Amino acid sequence: MHVFIFQSRVRPDLTGFTTWRTGSNLPEELGPWAFMGQGAMHAGDPVTGVYGGANTVLAGIERDGFYVARADVHARRTA
């Protein structure tokens, strides 16, 4: 699944995952949301800071259209 990743500007500890390029389906009360990246996510993939990895994220997206995690998935990214 192609996933877009956003970080809450109000709560920087929150990361939102969605298939919507604009992120407009992420919860308004936790926004505004800043785009952080995108990419393919497959079941079984690890996702830094998210217990259960991609399985958890993908299940949330399937259920609600998005998934919000209290995780800093960007802190350990290397350039």
N, C-alpha and C. Protein backbone atom coordinates (compact mmCIF):
# COMPACT_ATOMS: atom_id res chain seq x y z
N MET A 1 0.85 -1.17 0.00
CA MET A 1 0.00 0.00 0.00
C MET A 1 0.90 1.24 0.00
N HIS A 2 0.56 2.22 -0.79
CA HIS A 2 1.31 3.48 -0.81
C HIS A 2 0.78 4.36 0.32
N VAL A 3 1.67 4.80 1.19
CA VAL A 3 1.28 5.53 2.39
C VAL A 3 2.00 6.88 2.44
N PHE A 4 1.25 7.89 2.86
CA PHE A 4 1.80 9.23 3.07
C PHE A 4 1.92 9.44 4.57
N ILE A 5 3.03 10.04 5.01
CA ILE A 5 3.33 10.20 6.42
C ILE A 5 3.35 11.69 6.77
N PHE A 6 2.66 12.02 7.86
CA PHE A 6 2.54 13.39 8.31
C PHE A 6 2.88 13.48 9.80
N GLN A 7 3.32 14.66 10.22
CA GLN A 7 3.59 14.90 11.64
C GLN A 7 2.69 16.05 12.09
N SER A 8 2.10 15.87 13.27
CA SER A 8 1.25 16.92 13.83
C SER A 8 2.11 18.10 14.23
N ARG A 9 1.69 19.29 13.86
CA ARG A 9 2.42 20.51 14.26
C ARG A 9 2.04 20.92 15.68
N VAL A 10 0.87 20.49 16.13
CA VAL A 10 0.42 20.80 17.48
C VAL A 10 1.01 19.81 18.48
N ARG A 11 1.10 18.55 18.07
CA ARG A 11 1.66 17.48 18.90
C ARG A 11 2.74 16.77 18.10
N PRO A 12 3.98 17.27 18.11
CA PRO A 12 5.05 16.70 17.30
C PRO A 12 5.36 15.23 17.61
N ASP A 13 4.84 14.71 18.72
CA ASP A 13 5.04 13.30 19.04
C ASP A 13 4.05 12.41 18.29
N LEU A 14 3.11 13.01 17.54
CA LEU A 14 2.12 12.24 16.80
C LEU A 14 2.47 12.18 15.31
N THR A 15 2.40 10.99 14.77
CA THR A 15 2.63 10.77 13.35
C THR A 15 1.37 10.17 12.74
N GLY A 16 0.94 10.72 11.61
CA GLY A 16 -0.25 10.23 10.93
C GLY A 16 0.13 9.53 9.63
N PHE A 17 -0.52 8.43 9.38
CA PHE A 17 -0.32 7.64 8.16
C PHE A 17 -1.65 7.58 7.42
N THR A 18 -1.62 7.79 6.11
CA THR A 18 -2.84 7.76 5.33
C THR A 18 -2.52 7.46 3.86
N THR A 19 -3.52 7.06 3.12
CA THR A 19 -3.34 6.88 1.67
C THR A 19 -3.75 8.14 0.91
N TRP A 20 -4.22 9.13 1.63
CA TRP A 20 -4.62 10.40 1.01
C TRP A 20 -3.39 11.30 0.89
N ARG A 21 -3.04 11.67 -0.31
CA ARG A 21 -1.86 12.50 -0.58
C ARG A 21 -1.88 13.81 0.21
N THR A 22 -3.05 14.39 0.38
CA THR A 22 -3.17 15.69 1.07
C THR A 22 -3.18 15.54 2.59
N GLY A 23 -3.47 14.34 3.09
CA GLY A 23 -3.60 14.13 4.53
C GLY A 23 -4.86 14.75 5.11
N SER A 24 -5.77 15.17 4.25
CA SER A 24 -6.96 15.88 4.71
C SER A 24 -7.94 15.00 5.50
N ASN A 25 -7.72 13.70 5.52
CA ASN A 25 -8.59 12.84 6.32
C ASN A 25 -8.03 12.58 7.71
N LEU A 26 -6.86 13.14 8.03
CA LEU A 26 -6.31 13.02 9.38
C LEU A 26 -7.12 13.90 10.33
N PRO A 27 -7.19 13.53 11.61
CA PRO A 27 -8.02 14.28 12.57
C PRO A 27 -7.64 15.76 12.66
N GLU A 28 -8.63 16.62 12.38
CA GLU A 28 -8.41 18.07 12.41
C GLU A 28 -7.94 18.56 13.77
N GLU A 29 -8.49 17.96 14.84
CA GLU A 29 -8.16 18.44 16.19
C GLU A 29 -6.70 18.19 16.56
N LEU A 30 -6.01 17.36 15.80
CA LEU A 30 -4.60 17.08 16.06
C LEU A 30 -3.68 17.82 15.08
N GLY A 31 -4.28 18.53 14.13
CA GLY A 31 -3.51 19.23 13.11
C GLY A 31 -3.25 20.67 13.50
N PRO A 32 -2.61 21.40 12.62
CA PRO A 32 -2.33 21.04 11.23
C PRO A 32 -1.26 19.95 11.13
N TRP A 33 -1.26 19.30 9.99
CA TRP A 33 -0.36 18.20 9.71
C TRP A 33 0.67 18.61 8.67
N ALA A 34 1.93 18.27 8.91
CA ALA A 34 3.02 18.59 7.98
C ALA A 34 3.46 17.30 7.28
N PHE A 35 3.53 17.35 5.96
CA PHE A 35 3.98 16.21 5.17
C PHE A 35 5.42 15.88 5.50
N MET A 36 5.70 14.58 5.74
CA MET A 36 7.06 14.16 6.09
C MET A 36 7.65 13.18 5.10
N GLY A 37 6.81 12.46 4.36
CA GLY A 37 7.35 11.49 3.42
C GLY A 37 6.27 10.56 2.91
N GLN A 38 6.70 9.64 2.05
CA GLN A 38 5.76 8.69 1.46
C GLN A 38 6.52 7.46 1.02
N GLY A 39 5.79 6.39 0.80
CA GLY A 39 6.43 5.18 0.30
C GLY A 39 5.52 3.98 0.40
N ALA A 40 6.00 2.88 -0.13
CA ALA A 40 5.26 1.63 -0.09
C ALA A 40 5.40 1.01 1.29
N MET A 41 4.30 0.49 1.81
CA MET A 41 4.31 -0.19 3.10
C MET A 41 3.66 -1.54 2.90
N HIS A 42 4.33 -2.57 3.37
CA HIS A 42 3.84 -3.94 3.19
C HIS A 42 3.68 -4.60 4.55
N ALA A 43 2.70 -5.50 4.64
CA ALA A 43 2.50 -6.27 5.87
C ALA A 43 3.82 -6.91 6.28
N GLY A 44 4.11 -6.83 7.56
CA GLY A 44 5.34 -7.41 8.08
C GLY A 44 6.52 -6.46 8.13
N ASP A 45 6.42 -5.31 7.43
CA ASP A 45 7.51 -4.33 7.46
C ASP A 45 7.62 -3.74 8.87
N PRO A 46 8.84 -3.51 9.34
CA PRO A 46 8.99 -2.78 10.60
C PRO A 46 8.73 -1.30 10.36
N VAL A 47 8.15 -0.63 11.33
CA VAL A 47 7.96 0.82 11.29
C VAL A 47 8.52 1.34 12.60
N THR A 48 9.59 2.11 12.53
CA THR A 48 10.26 2.62 13.72
C THR A 48 9.28 3.34 14.62
N GLY A 49 9.24 2.92 15.87
CA GLY A 49 8.40 3.60 16.86
C GLY A 49 6.96 3.14 16.90
N VAL A 50 6.56 2.21 16.05
CA VAL A 50 5.18 1.73 16.04
C VAL A 50 5.17 0.25 16.40
N TYR A 51 4.63 -0.07 17.58
CA TYR A 51 4.52 -1.46 18.01
C TYR A 51 3.61 -2.21 17.03
N GLY A 52 4.08 -3.30 16.51
CA GLY A 52 3.32 -4.06 15.53
C GLY A 52 3.67 -3.69 14.11
N GLY A 53 4.47 -2.64 13.93
CA GLY A 53 4.94 -2.23 12.61
C GLY A 53 3.85 -1.97 11.61
N ALA A 54 4.15 -2.34 10.37
CA ALA A 54 3.23 -2.06 9.27
C ALA A 54 1.89 -2.75 9.45
N ASN A 55 1.87 -3.91 10.09
CA ASN A 55 0.59 -4.60 10.30
C ASN A 55 -0.38 -3.72 11.07
N THR A 56 0.11 -3.04 12.10
CA THR A 56 -0.72 -2.15 12.90
C THR A 56 -1.18 -0.94 12.09
N VAL A 57 -0.24 -0.33 11.37
CA VAL A 57 -0.56 0.85 10.57
C VAL A 57 -1.57 0.51 9.47
N LEU A 58 -1.32 -0.56 8.74
CA LEU A 58 -2.20 -0.94 7.64
C LEU A 58 -3.59 -1.33 8.14
N ALA A 59 -3.67 -2.00 9.29
CA ALA A 59 -4.98 -2.35 9.86
C ALA A 59 -5.76 -1.10 10.21
N GLY A 60 -5.07 -0.10 10.79
CA GLY A 60 -5.73 1.17 11.12
C GLY A 60 -6.22 1.90 9.89
N ILE A 61 -5.41 1.90 8.84
CA ILE A 61 -5.82 2.55 7.59
C ILE A 61 -7.01 1.83 6.98
N GLU A 62 -6.99 0.52 7.00
CA GLU A 62 -8.13 -0.26 6.46
C GLU A 62 -9.40 0.02 7.25
N ARG A 63 -9.28 0.13 8.57
CA ARG A 63 -10.44 0.32 9.45
C ARG A 63 -10.97 1.75 9.40
N ASP A 64 -10.05 2.75 9.53
CA ASP A 64 -10.47 4.14 9.71
C ASP A 64 -10.10 5.07 8.57
N GLY A 65 -9.27 4.61 7.64
CA GLY A 65 -8.81 5.47 6.56
C GLY A 65 -7.49 6.16 6.88
N PHE A 66 -7.05 6.07 8.13
CA PHE A 66 -5.79 6.65 8.57
C PHE A 66 -5.35 5.93 9.84
N TYR A 67 -4.11 6.19 10.25
CA TYR A 67 -3.63 5.67 11.53
C TYR A 67 -2.75 6.75 12.15
N VAL A 68 -2.98 7.04 13.42
CA VAL A 68 -2.16 8.02 14.15
C VAL A 68 -1.45 7.29 15.27
N ALA A 69 -0.15 7.49 15.35
CA ALA A 69 0.67 6.84 16.36
C ALA A 69 1.45 7.88 17.14
N ARG A 70 1.65 7.60 18.40
CA ARG A 70 2.53 8.43 19.22
C ARG A 70 3.93 7.86 19.05
N ALA A 71 4.60 8.33 18.04
CA ALA A 71 5.92 7.80 17.69
C ALA A 71 6.68 8.84 16.89
N ASP A 72 7.99 8.87 17.08
CA ASP A 72 8.84 9.75 16.30
C ASP A 72 9.51 8.90 15.24
N VAL A 73 8.81 8.62 14.16
CA VAL A 73 9.35 7.73 13.12
C VAL A 73 10.43 8.43 12.29
N HIS A 74 10.61 9.73 12.47
CA HIS A 74 11.57 10.48 11.66
C HIS A 74 12.91 10.65 12.37
N ALA A 75 12.95 10.49 13.68
CA ALA A 75 14.16 10.78 14.45
C ALA A 75 15.32 9.88 14.06
N ARG A 76 15.04 8.63 13.67
CA ARG A 76 16.12 7.70 13.38
C ARG A 76 16.38 7.55 11.89
N ARG A 77 15.75 8.35 11.08
CA ARG A 77 15.96 8.28 9.64
C ARG A 77 17.33 8.83 9.31
N THR A 78 18.05 8.15 8.45
CA THR A 78 19.38 8.63 8.05
C THR A 78 19.31 9.21 6.66
N ALA A 79 20.17 10.17 6.41
CA ALA A 79 20.17 10.84 5.10
C ALA A 79 20.97 10.05 4.08
